[in-house]
């Protein structure tokens, strides 16, 4: 599994990049949010969080500027029935992650259904199925209210995306924060995984 990619952009298009990593050019599909955030141009050094999606007919690499974008992408394709990578990329291209989260929390189907390629039925399914996932909206609401730090919320969401319950994820993240209050998201996730598996 390719989880991260660091290299130089040798081709840049709004929905895909070709990244040279020590002489190997990786084609990476990116949402518009990532393309805009990176101001992707040829010659730019990038560090992408990635997901390798394997199907019978293709191996497709998806890239994201932030852990948060990748977590939302994974949540959509793994937790919402009928949502594949193409629709998940359309969602990320159509709304900023924070706005998408607030739409789900508020049940704002109308705004979600305005995303190109996303009909009303699919938008309703996204809201219904993500709201039903224990902890996702709780974590988003707590982060919005300032009850948890943004990095702790991102770590919780990453653990939830891996299948852990929100209450267990929060407990494990808090345990790591007690030992290292300034831990970055990656360190929080690693430490929490050790605590959850130990």
N, C-alpha and C. Protein backbone atom coordinates (compact mmCIF):
# COMPACT_ATOMS: atom_id res chain seq x y z
N UNK A 1 0.85 -1.19 0.00
CA UNK A 1 0.00 0.00 0.00
C UNK A 1 0.88 1.24 0.00
N UNK A 2 0.59 2.17 -0.86
CA UNK A 2 1.34 3.43 -0.90
C UNK A 2 0.55 4.44 -0.08
N UNK A 3 1.12 4.88 1.06
CA UNK A 3 0.39 5.76 1.98
C UNK A 3 0.83 7.21 1.88
N UNK A 4 2.02 7.43 1.33
CA UNK A 4 2.52 8.80 1.24
C UNK A 4 3.47 8.88 0.06
N UNK A 5 3.52 10.05 -0.58
CA UNK A 5 4.35 10.22 -1.75
C UNK A 5 5.01 11.60 -1.67
N UNK A 6 6.35 11.62 -1.77
CA UNK A 6 7.07 12.89 -1.73
C UNK A 6 7.96 12.96 -2.96
N UNK A 7 7.80 14.02 -3.74
CA UNK A 7 8.61 14.16 -4.94
C UNK A 7 8.30 15.44 -5.67
N UNK A 8 8.76 15.51 -6.92
CA UNK A 8 8.62 16.73 -7.73
C UNK A 8 7.54 16.52 -8.78
N UNK A 9 6.65 17.52 -8.91
CA UNK A 9 5.60 17.47 -9.92
C UNK A 9 6.23 17.64 -11.30
N UNK A 10 5.99 16.66 -12.20
CA UNK A 10 6.50 16.81 -13.56
C UNK A 10 5.37 17.05 -14.57
N UNK A 11 4.13 16.80 -14.17
CA UNK A 11 2.95 17.17 -14.96
C UNK A 11 1.87 17.59 -13.98
N UNK A 12 1.18 18.69 -14.28
CA UNK A 12 0.14 19.19 -13.37
C UNK A 12 -1.12 19.52 -14.14
N UNK A 13 -2.20 18.86 -13.78
CA UNK A 13 -3.53 19.12 -14.33
C UNK A 13 -4.48 19.25 -13.14
N UNK A 14 -5.61 19.95 -13.28
CA UNK A 14 -6.49 20.18 -12.13
C UNK A 14 -6.94 18.92 -11.40
N UNK A 15 -7.05 17.79 -12.08
CA UNK A 15 -7.52 16.59 -11.39
C UNK A 15 -6.46 15.50 -11.26
N UNK A 16 -5.25 15.75 -11.76
CA UNK A 16 -4.20 14.74 -11.61
C UNK A 16 -2.82 15.37 -11.71
N UNK A 17 -1.90 14.71 -11.02
CA UNK A 17 -0.51 15.12 -11.04
C UNK A 17 0.33 13.91 -11.41
N UNK A 18 1.48 14.14 -12.02
CA UNK A 18 2.48 13.10 -12.16
C UNK A 18 3.65 13.56 -11.30
N UNK A 19 3.98 12.73 -10.30
CA UNK A 19 5.01 13.08 -9.33
C UNK A 19 6.22 12.17 -9.53
N UNK A 20 7.37 12.79 -9.75
CA UNK A 20 8.62 12.06 -9.92
C UNK A 20 9.21 11.77 -8.55
N UNK A 21 9.31 10.47 -8.22
CA UNK A 21 9.93 10.06 -6.97
C UNK A 21 11.14 9.21 -7.33
N UNK A 22 12.31 9.81 -7.27
CA UNK A 22 13.58 9.16 -7.59
C UNK A 22 13.53 8.46 -8.95
N UNK A 23 13.05 9.18 -9.96
CA UNK A 23 13.05 8.65 -11.32
C UNK A 23 11.82 7.87 -11.74
N UNK A 24 10.90 7.63 -10.81
CA UNK A 24 9.66 6.94 -11.15
C UNK A 24 8.52 7.95 -11.12
N UNK A 25 7.76 8.04 -12.23
CA UNK A 25 6.65 8.98 -12.29
C UNK A 25 5.35 8.32 -11.87
N UNK A 26 4.78 8.77 -10.75
CA UNK A 26 3.51 8.24 -10.24
C UNK A 26 2.38 9.15 -10.68
N UNK A 27 1.37 8.58 -11.34
CA UNK A 27 0.18 9.36 -11.67
C UNK A 27 -0.73 9.32 -10.45
N UNK A 28 -1.11 10.50 -9.97
CA UNK A 28 -1.92 10.62 -8.75
C UNK A 28 -3.15 11.46 -9.07
N UNK A 29 -4.33 10.90 -8.85
CA UNK A 29 -5.56 11.67 -9.02
C UNK A 29 -5.79 12.49 -7.75
N UNK A 30 -6.07 13.77 -7.92
CA UNK A 30 -6.23 14.67 -6.77
C UNK A 30 -7.55 15.43 -6.88
N UNK A 31 -8.18 15.75 -5.74
CA UNK A 31 -9.36 16.62 -5.80
C UNK A 31 -8.92 18.06 -6.06
N UNK A 32 -9.84 18.89 -6.50
CA UNK A 32 -9.52 20.29 -6.76
C UNK A 32 -9.02 20.99 -5.50
N UNK A 33 -9.52 20.58 -4.33
CA UNK A 33 -9.08 21.20 -3.08
C UNK A 33 -7.58 21.01 -2.87
N UNK A 34 -7.06 19.83 -3.19
CA UNK A 34 -5.63 19.56 -3.07
C UNK A 34 -4.85 20.35 -4.12
N UNK A 35 -5.34 20.34 -5.35
CA UNK A 35 -4.67 21.06 -6.43
C UNK A 35 -4.55 22.55 -6.08
N UNK A 36 -5.65 23.13 -5.58
CA UNK A 36 -5.65 24.56 -5.22
C UNK A 36 -4.75 24.84 -4.03
N UNK A 37 -4.79 23.97 -3.02
CA UNK A 37 -3.98 24.18 -1.82
C UNK A 37 -2.49 24.13 -2.14
N UNK A 38 -2.11 23.22 -3.03
CA UNK A 38 -0.69 23.07 -3.37
C UNK A 38 -0.22 24.12 -4.37
N UNK A 39 -1.16 24.78 -5.06
CA UNK A 39 -0.80 25.65 -6.19
C UNK A 39 0.13 24.86 -7.12
N UNK A 40 -0.36 23.65 -7.47
CA UNK A 40 0.47 22.68 -8.18
C UNK A 40 0.92 23.19 -9.55
N UNK A 41 2.21 23.23 -9.72
CA UNK A 41 2.83 23.58 -11.00
C UNK A 41 4.01 22.63 -11.20
N UNK A 42 4.43 22.50 -12.43
CA UNK A 42 5.57 21.64 -12.72
C UNK A 42 6.81 22.15 -11.99
N UNK A 43 7.55 21.22 -11.39
CA UNK A 43 8.76 21.57 -10.65
C UNK A 43 8.54 21.73 -9.15
N UNK A 44 7.29 21.77 -8.71
CA UNK A 44 6.98 21.94 -7.29
C UNK A 44 7.25 20.65 -6.52
N UNK A 45 7.89 20.76 -5.36
CA UNK A 45 8.07 19.61 -4.46
C UNK A 45 6.77 19.43 -3.68
N UNK A 46 6.23 18.22 -3.67
CA UNK A 46 4.98 17.96 -2.95
C UNK A 46 5.15 16.78 -2.00
N UNK A 47 4.32 16.77 -0.97
CA UNK A 47 4.25 15.67 -0.02
C UNK A 47 2.77 15.33 0.11
N UNK A 48 2.35 14.23 -0.49
CA UNK A 48 0.93 13.87 -0.55
C UNK A 48 0.63 12.68 0.35
N UNK A 49 -0.52 12.72 1.00
CA UNK A 49 -1.07 11.54 1.65
C UNK A 49 -1.82 10.80 0.55
N UNK A 50 -1.68 9.51 0.48
CA UNK A 50 -2.26 8.79 -0.65
C UNK A 50 -3.09 7.59 -0.23
N UNK A 51 -3.89 7.14 -1.17
CA UNK A 51 -4.65 5.90 -1.02
C UNK A 51 -4.56 5.16 -2.35
N UNK A 52 -4.09 3.93 -2.32
CA UNK A 52 -4.03 3.10 -3.53
C UNK A 52 -5.30 2.27 -3.58
N UNK A 53 -6.13 2.54 -4.58
CA UNK A 53 -7.39 1.82 -4.74
C UNK A 53 -7.19 0.72 -5.78
N UNK A 54 -7.39 -0.51 -5.37
CA UNK A 54 -7.13 -1.64 -6.26
C UNK A 54 -8.44 -2.27 -6.68
N UNK A 55 -8.62 -2.36 -8.00
CA UNK A 55 -9.76 -3.06 -8.58
C UNK A 55 -9.20 -4.12 -9.51
N UNK A 56 -10.07 -4.94 -10.00
CA UNK A 56 -9.65 -6.02 -10.90
C UNK A 56 -8.97 -5.47 -12.16
N UNK A 57 -9.47 -4.33 -12.64
CA UNK A 57 -8.97 -3.79 -13.91
C UNK A 57 -7.98 -2.65 -13.76
N UNK A 58 -7.81 -2.11 -12.55
CA UNK A 58 -6.92 -0.95 -12.41
C UNK A 58 -6.42 -0.78 -10.99
N UNK A 59 -5.24 -0.20 -10.89
CA UNK A 59 -4.69 0.25 -9.61
C UNK A 59 -4.60 1.76 -9.73
N UNK A 60 -5.37 2.49 -8.92
CA UNK A 60 -5.43 3.94 -9.03
C UNK A 60 -4.94 4.57 -7.73
N UNK A 61 -4.04 5.53 -7.87
CA UNK A 61 -3.47 6.22 -6.72
C UNK A 61 -4.16 7.57 -6.57
N UNK A 62 -4.73 7.82 -5.39
CA UNK A 62 -5.39 9.09 -5.08
C UNK A 62 -4.52 9.84 -4.09
N UNK A 63 -4.37 11.15 -4.29
CA UNK A 63 -3.50 11.95 -3.44
C UNK A 63 -4.23 13.12 -2.81
N UNK A 64 -3.78 13.49 -1.60
CA UNK A 64 -4.43 14.54 -0.83
C UNK A 64 -3.40 15.39 -0.13
N UNK A 65 -3.68 16.69 -0.02
CA UNK A 65 -2.76 17.61 0.64
C UNK A 65 -2.75 17.43 2.14
N UNK A 66 -3.87 16.95 2.72
CA UNK A 66 -3.96 16.84 4.18
C UNK A 66 -4.51 15.47 4.59
N UNK A 67 -4.22 15.11 5.83
CA UNK A 67 -4.79 13.88 6.41
C UNK A 67 -6.31 13.97 6.43
N UNK A 68 -6.81 15.16 6.73
CA UNK A 68 -8.25 15.37 6.84
C UNK A 68 -8.97 15.03 5.53
N UNK A 69 -8.39 15.48 4.40
CA UNK A 69 -8.99 15.16 3.10
C UNK A 69 -8.99 13.66 2.86
N UNK A 70 -7.87 13.01 3.15
CA UNK A 70 -7.80 11.57 2.94
C UNK A 70 -8.78 10.83 3.85
N UNK A 71 -8.93 11.28 5.10
CA UNK A 71 -9.86 10.64 6.02
C UNK A 71 -11.30 10.74 5.52
N UNK A 72 -11.68 11.90 5.02
CA UNK A 72 -13.04 12.07 4.49
C UNK A 72 -13.24 11.17 3.26
N UNK A 73 -12.23 11.12 2.39
CA UNK A 73 -12.29 10.25 1.21
C UNK A 73 -12.50 8.80 1.62
N UNK A 74 -11.69 8.32 2.58
CA UNK A 74 -11.79 6.93 3.04
C UNK A 74 -13.14 6.67 3.71
N UNK A 75 -13.60 7.64 4.50
CA UNK A 75 -14.88 7.46 5.17
C UNK A 75 -16.00 7.32 4.14
N UNK A 76 -15.95 8.13 3.10
CA UNK A 76 -16.99 8.06 2.06
C UNK A 76 -16.97 6.72 1.34
N UNK A 77 -15.79 6.26 0.91
CA UNK A 77 -15.76 5.03 0.10
C UNK A 77 -15.95 3.77 0.95
N UNK A 78 -15.59 3.85 2.24
CA UNK A 78 -15.68 2.66 3.09
C UNK A 78 -16.95 2.60 3.92
N UNK A 79 -17.55 3.75 4.21
CA UNK A 79 -18.68 3.78 5.15
C UNK A 79 -20.02 4.10 4.52
N UNK A 80 -20.03 4.60 3.27
CA UNK A 80 -21.29 4.97 2.64
C UNK A 80 -21.53 4.04 1.46
N UNK A 81 -22.63 3.29 1.51
CA UNK A 81 -22.91 2.33 0.43
C UNK A 81 -23.15 3.06 -0.88
N UNK A 82 -22.61 2.50 -1.95
CA UNK A 82 -22.80 3.07 -3.28
C UNK A 82 -21.87 4.22 -3.63
N UNK A 83 -20.97 4.58 -2.72
CA UNK A 83 -20.02 5.67 -2.99
C UNK A 83 -18.68 5.05 -3.34
N UNK A 84 -18.19 5.40 -4.51
CA UNK A 84 -16.88 4.95 -4.94
C UNK A 84 -15.92 6.12 -4.96
N UNK A 85 -14.69 5.87 -5.37
CA UNK A 85 -13.68 6.93 -5.41
C UNK A 85 -14.07 8.14 -6.26
N UNK A 86 -14.75 7.91 -7.39
CA UNK A 86 -15.10 9.05 -8.27
C UNK A 86 -16.03 10.02 -7.56
N UNK A 87 -17.04 9.50 -6.87
CA UNK A 87 -17.97 10.39 -6.16
C UNK A 87 -17.28 11.03 -4.96
N UNK A 88 -16.45 10.27 -4.25
CA UNK A 88 -15.73 10.84 -3.11
C UNK A 88 -14.83 11.99 -3.57
N UNK A 89 -14.18 11.84 -4.72
CA UNK A 89 -13.35 12.92 -5.25
C UNK A 89 -14.21 14.12 -5.65
N UNK A 90 -15.39 13.86 -6.19
CA UNK A 90 -16.31 14.95 -6.55
C UNK A 90 -16.72 15.73 -5.31
N UNK A 91 -16.97 15.02 -4.21
CA UNK A 91 -17.34 15.67 -2.95
C UNK A 91 -16.21 16.58 -2.48
N UNK A 92 -14.97 16.06 -2.48
CA UNK A 92 -13.83 16.85 -2.03
C UNK A 92 -13.54 18.02 -2.97
N UNK A 93 -13.85 17.84 -4.26
CA UNK A 93 -13.65 18.93 -5.21
C UNK A 93 -14.76 19.97 -5.10
N UNK A 94 -15.94 19.53 -4.65
CA UNK A 94 -17.11 20.42 -4.62
C UNK A 94 -17.25 21.25 -3.37
N UNK A 95 -16.70 20.80 -2.26
CA UNK A 95 -16.84 21.53 -0.99
C UNK A 95 -15.54 21.42 -0.18
N UNK A 96 -15.18 22.50 0.54
CA UNK A 96 -14.07 22.37 1.48
C UNK A 96 -14.43 21.34 2.55
N UNK A 97 -13.45 20.66 3.10
CA UNK A 97 -13.71 19.60 4.08
C UNK A 97 -14.53 20.12 5.26
N UNK A 98 -14.19 21.28 5.79
CA UNK A 98 -14.91 21.82 6.95
C UNK A 98 -16.39 22.05 6.61
N UNK A 99 -16.66 22.55 5.40
CA UNK A 99 -18.04 22.81 4.99
C UNK A 99 -18.79 21.49 4.80
N UNK A 100 -18.11 20.49 4.23
CA UNK A 100 -18.74 19.18 4.05
C UNK A 100 -19.14 18.61 5.41
N UNK A 101 -18.24 18.69 6.37
CA UNK A 101 -18.54 18.17 7.70
C UNK A 101 -19.74 18.88 8.31
N UNK A 102 -19.77 20.21 8.19
CA UNK A 102 -20.90 20.94 8.79
C UNK A 102 -22.21 20.60 8.08
N UNK A 103 -22.15 20.32 6.77
CA UNK A 103 -23.36 19.91 6.05
C UNK A 103 -23.87 18.56 6.57
N UNK A 104 -22.95 17.64 6.84
CA UNK A 104 -23.35 16.33 7.35
C UNK A 104 -23.94 16.48 8.75
N UNK A 105 -23.26 17.24 9.61
CA UNK A 105 -23.75 17.43 10.97
C UNK A 105 -25.13 18.08 10.97
N UNK A 106 -25.32 19.08 10.10
CA UNK A 106 -26.59 19.81 10.05
C UNK A 106 -27.65 19.10 9.20
N UNK A 107 -27.25 18.04 8.48
CA UNK A 107 -28.19 17.34 7.61
C UNK A 107 -28.58 18.18 6.40
N UNK A 108 -27.66 19.00 5.93
CA UNK A 108 -27.92 19.92 4.81
C UNK A 108 -27.80 19.18 3.47
N UNK A 109 -28.84 18.44 3.12
CA UNK A 109 -28.87 17.65 1.88
C UNK A 109 -28.87 18.56 0.66
N UNK A 110 -29.55 19.70 0.77
CA UNK A 110 -29.66 20.61 -0.38
C UNK A 110 -28.29 21.08 -0.86
N UNK A 111 -27.43 21.48 0.07
CA UNK A 111 -26.10 21.95 -0.33
C UNK A 111 -25.25 20.81 -0.88
N UNK A 112 -25.32 19.65 -0.24
CA UNK A 112 -24.55 18.49 -0.73
C UNK A 112 -25.00 18.09 -2.13
N UNK A 113 -26.29 18.15 -2.40
CA UNK A 113 -26.80 17.70 -3.70
C UNK A 113 -26.43 18.66 -4.83
N UNK A 114 -25.92 19.85 -4.49
CA UNK A 114 -25.46 20.79 -5.53
C UNK A 114 -24.08 20.43 -6.07
N UNK A 115 -23.39 19.49 -5.42
CA UNK A 115 -22.08 19.06 -5.89
C UNK A 115 -22.28 18.31 -7.20
N UNK A 116 -21.47 18.64 -8.19
CA UNK A 116 -21.59 18.01 -9.51
C UNK A 116 -21.41 16.50 -9.39
N UNK A 117 -22.37 15.75 -9.93
CA UNK A 117 -22.30 14.30 -9.92
C UNK A 117 -22.94 13.67 -8.68
N UNK A 118 -23.49 14.50 -7.81
CA UNK A 118 -24.10 14.02 -6.57
C UNK A 118 -25.58 14.40 -6.58
N UNK A 119 -26.43 13.42 -6.72
CA UNK A 119 -27.86 13.69 -6.70
C UNK A 119 -28.41 13.78 -5.29
N UNK A 120 -29.70 14.11 -5.20
CA UNK A 120 -30.34 14.26 -3.90
C UNK A 120 -30.33 12.95 -3.11
N UNK A 121 -30.60 11.83 -3.79
CA UNK A 121 -30.64 10.53 -3.10
C UNK A 121 -29.27 10.19 -2.51
N UNK A 122 -28.21 10.43 -3.29
CA UNK A 122 -26.85 10.12 -2.81
C UNK A 122 -26.49 11.04 -1.64
N UNK A 123 -26.87 12.32 -1.73
CA UNK A 123 -26.60 13.27 -0.65
C UNK A 123 -27.32 12.83 0.62
N UNK A 124 -28.56 12.38 0.47
CA UNK A 124 -29.32 11.89 1.64
C UNK A 124 -28.65 10.67 2.25
N UNK A 125 -28.15 9.78 1.39
CA UNK A 125 -27.48 8.57 1.88
C UNK A 125 -26.20 8.93 2.64
N UNK A 126 -25.45 9.90 2.13
CA UNK A 126 -24.22 10.34 2.80
C UNK A 126 -24.55 10.84 4.20
N UNK A 127 -25.54 11.73 4.29
CA UNK A 127 -25.91 12.29 5.59
C UNK A 127 -26.39 11.19 6.53
N UNK A 128 -27.28 10.34 6.04
CA UNK A 128 -27.84 9.27 6.87
C UNK A 128 -26.76 8.31 7.36
N UNK A 129 -25.92 7.86 6.44
CA UNK A 129 -24.94 6.83 6.81
C UNK A 129 -23.77 7.38 7.62
N UNK A 130 -23.36 8.63 7.37
CA UNK A 130 -22.27 9.19 8.18
C UNK A 130 -22.78 9.64 9.53
N UNK A 131 -24.02 10.12 9.60
CA UNK A 131 -24.57 10.50 10.91
C UNK A 131 -24.75 9.27 11.78
N UNK A 132 -25.03 8.14 11.15
CA UNK A 132 -25.24 6.90 11.90
C UNK A 132 -23.93 6.28 12.38
N UNK A 133 -22.81 6.70 11.81
CA UNK A 133 -21.54 6.13 12.23
C UNK A 133 -21.16 6.71 13.58
N UNK A 134 -21.03 5.85 14.56
CA UNK A 134 -20.78 6.30 15.92
C UNK A 134 -19.52 7.15 15.96
N UNK A 135 -19.67 8.36 16.47
CA UNK A 135 -18.51 9.19 16.76
C UNK A 135 -18.10 10.16 15.69
N UNK A 136 -18.44 9.94 14.44
CA UNK A 136 -17.95 10.84 13.40
C UNK A 136 -18.49 12.24 13.62
N UNK A 137 -19.82 12.37 13.69
CA UNK A 137 -20.37 13.71 13.87
C UNK A 137 -20.07 14.24 15.27
N UNK A 138 -19.99 13.36 16.27
CA UNK A 138 -19.62 13.82 17.62
C UNK A 138 -18.24 14.47 17.60
N UNK A 139 -17.30 13.81 16.93
CA UNK A 139 -15.94 14.35 16.85
C UNK A 139 -15.94 15.67 16.10
N UNK A 140 -16.69 15.74 14.98
CA UNK A 140 -16.76 16.99 14.22
C UNK A 140 -17.35 18.11 15.07
N UNK A 141 -18.43 17.80 15.81
CA UNK A 141 -19.07 18.82 16.65
C UNK A 141 -18.14 19.26 17.77
N UNK A 142 -17.44 18.30 18.39
CA UNK A 142 -16.52 18.65 19.47
C UNK A 142 -15.36 19.52 18.95
N UNK A 143 -14.88 19.21 17.75
CA UNK A 143 -13.80 20.01 17.17
C UNK A 143 -14.29 21.42 16.86
N UNK A 144 -15.52 21.53 16.32
CA UNK A 144 -16.09 22.84 16.00
C UNK A 144 -16.30 23.67 17.27
N UNK A 145 -16.67 23.01 18.36
CA UNK A 145 -16.92 23.71 19.62
C UNK A 145 -15.64 23.96 20.41
N UNK A 146 -14.52 23.41 19.96
CA UNK A 146 -13.25 23.60 20.65
C UNK A 146 -13.04 22.65 21.81
N UNK A 147 -13.91 21.62 21.93
CA UNK A 147 -13.78 20.66 23.03
C UNK A 147 -12.57 19.75 22.84
N UNK A 148 -12.17 19.53 21.59
CA UNK A 148 -10.94 18.79 21.31
C UNK A 148 -10.12 19.61 20.33
N UNK A 149 -8.80 19.47 20.40
CA UNK A 149 -7.94 20.22 19.49
C UNK A 149 -8.10 19.69 18.07
N UNK A 150 -7.79 20.51 17.05
CA UNK A 150 -7.90 20.03 15.67
C UNK A 150 -7.06 18.78 15.41
N UNK A 151 -5.86 18.71 15.99
CA UNK A 151 -5.02 17.53 15.74
C UNK A 151 -5.60 16.30 16.44
N UNK A 152 -6.17 16.46 17.63
CA UNK A 152 -6.80 15.33 18.32
C UNK A 152 -8.03 14.87 17.55
N UNK A 153 -8.79 15.82 17.01
CA UNK A 153 -9.98 15.46 16.22
C UNK A 153 -9.57 14.71 14.96
N UNK A 154 -8.52 15.19 14.28
CA UNK A 154 -8.05 14.51 13.07
C UNK A 154 -7.58 13.09 13.39
N UNK A 155 -6.89 12.94 14.53
CA UNK A 155 -6.42 11.60 14.93
C UNK A 155 -7.61 10.69 15.24
N UNK A 156 -8.62 11.23 15.94
CA UNK A 156 -9.82 10.44 16.23
C UNK A 156 -10.50 9.99 14.94
N UNK A 157 -10.65 10.93 13.99
CA UNK A 157 -11.31 10.59 12.72
C UNK A 157 -10.52 9.53 11.95
N UNK A 158 -9.21 9.62 12.02
CA UNK A 158 -8.38 8.60 11.34
C UNK A 158 -8.62 7.23 11.97
N UNK A 159 -8.71 7.18 13.28
CA UNK A 159 -8.94 5.91 13.97
C UNK A 159 -10.36 5.38 13.69
N UNK A 160 -11.33 6.29 13.64
CA UNK A 160 -12.70 5.89 13.31
C UNK A 160 -12.74 5.33 11.90
N UNK A 161 -12.01 5.97 10.98
CA UNK A 161 -11.96 5.49 9.59
C UNK A 161 -11.34 4.10 9.52
N UNK A 162 -10.48 3.77 10.49
CA UNK A 162 -9.87 2.44 10.54
C UNK A 162 -10.79 1.41 11.21
N UNK A 163 -11.96 1.87 11.70
CA UNK A 163 -12.94 0.94 12.25
C UNK A 163 -13.06 0.94 13.76
N UNK A 164 -12.30 1.80 14.46
CA UNK A 164 -12.41 1.86 15.92
C UNK A 164 -13.61 2.71 16.33
N UNK A 165 -14.19 2.41 17.49
CA UNK A 165 -15.29 3.20 18.02
C UNK A 165 -14.76 4.54 18.49
N UNK A 166 -15.61 5.58 18.39
CA UNK A 166 -15.19 6.93 18.75
C UNK A 166 -14.74 7.00 20.21
N UNK A 167 -15.47 6.36 21.10
CA UNK A 167 -15.14 6.43 22.52
C UNK A 167 -13.75 5.81 22.78
N UNK A 168 -13.44 4.70 22.10
CA UNK A 168 -12.12 4.07 22.26
C UNK A 168 -11.03 4.92 21.64
N UNK A 169 -11.33 5.49 20.47
CA UNK A 169 -10.36 6.35 19.79
C UNK A 169 -10.02 7.56 20.64
N UNK A 170 -11.06 8.20 21.22
CA UNK A 170 -10.82 9.39 22.04
C UNK A 170 -9.99 9.04 23.28
N UNK A 171 -10.31 7.92 23.91
CA UNK A 171 -9.58 7.50 25.11
C UNK A 171 -8.09 7.28 24.78
N UNK A 172 -7.83 6.61 23.65
CA UNK A 172 -6.44 6.32 23.25
C UNK A 172 -5.69 7.60 22.90
N UNK A 173 -6.36 8.52 22.20
CA UNK A 173 -5.72 9.79 21.82
C UNK A 173 -5.41 10.60 23.08
N UNK A 174 -6.35 10.64 24.02
CA UNK A 174 -6.11 11.37 25.28
C UNK A 174 -4.92 10.80 26.04
N UNK A 175 -4.80 9.47 26.01
CA UNK A 175 -3.68 8.82 26.70
C UNK A 175 -2.35 9.28 26.10
N UNK A 176 -2.29 9.37 24.76
CA UNK A 176 -1.07 9.85 24.10
C UNK A 176 -0.82 11.31 24.43
N UNK A 177 -1.89 12.12 24.46
CA UNK A 177 -1.74 13.55 24.77
C UNK A 177 -1.25 13.79 26.20
N UNK A 178 -1.58 12.89 27.12
CA UNK A 178 -1.10 13.02 28.50
C UNK A 178 0.43 12.90 28.55
N UNK A 179 0.98 12.06 27.66
CA UNK A 179 2.43 11.86 27.63
C UNK A 179 3.14 12.92 26.78
N UNK A 180 2.45 13.40 25.72
CA UNK A 180 3.05 14.39 24.81
C UNK A 180 1.96 15.34 24.32
N UNK A 181 1.78 16.43 25.05
CA UNK A 181 0.67 17.36 24.79
C UNK A 181 0.77 18.02 23.41
N UNK A 182 1.97 18.12 22.85
CA UNK A 182 2.12 18.79 21.56
C UNK A 182 2.27 17.85 20.38
N UNK A 183 1.86 16.60 20.55
CA UNK A 183 2.05 15.59 19.49
C UNK A 183 1.29 15.96 18.22
N UNK A 184 1.93 15.72 17.07
CA UNK A 184 1.29 15.96 15.77
C UNK A 184 0.30 14.83 15.49
N UNK A 185 -0.54 15.02 14.48
CA UNK A 185 -1.58 14.04 14.15
C UNK A 185 -0.99 12.65 13.93
N UNK A 186 0.09 12.55 13.14
CA UNK A 186 0.68 11.25 12.84
C UNK A 186 1.15 10.55 14.11
N UNK A 187 1.77 11.31 15.01
CA UNK A 187 2.26 10.74 16.27
C UNK A 187 1.08 10.31 17.15
N UNK A 188 0.01 11.10 17.14
CA UNK A 188 -1.18 10.74 17.92
C UNK A 188 -1.78 9.43 17.42
N UNK A 189 -1.88 9.30 16.09
CA UNK A 189 -2.46 8.08 15.51
C UNK A 189 -1.59 6.87 15.84
N UNK A 190 -0.27 7.01 15.65
CA UNK A 190 0.64 5.88 15.95
C UNK A 190 0.55 5.47 17.41
N UNK A 191 0.62 6.46 18.31
CA UNK A 191 0.56 6.17 19.73
C UNK A 191 -0.78 5.56 20.14
N UNK A 192 -1.86 6.08 19.57
CA UNK A 192 -3.20 5.58 19.90
C UNK A 192 -3.36 4.15 19.39
N UNK A 193 -2.83 3.86 18.20
CA UNK A 193 -2.90 2.49 17.68
C UNK A 193 -2.16 1.51 18.58
N UNK A 194 -1.00 1.95 19.09
CA UNK A 194 -0.25 1.09 20.02
C UNK A 194 -1.08 0.85 21.28
N UNK A 195 -1.73 1.91 21.78
CA UNK A 195 -2.54 1.77 23.00
C UNK A 195 -3.75 0.87 22.75
N UNK A 196 -4.37 0.99 21.58
CA UNK A 196 -5.56 0.20 21.27
C UNK A 196 -5.21 -1.27 21.04
N UNK A 197 -4.01 -1.53 20.53
CA UNK A 197 -3.62 -2.91 20.25
C UNK A 197 -2.91 -3.57 21.42
N UNK A 198 -2.49 -2.75 22.40
CA UNK A 198 -1.73 -3.27 23.52
C UNK A 198 -2.57 -3.86 24.60
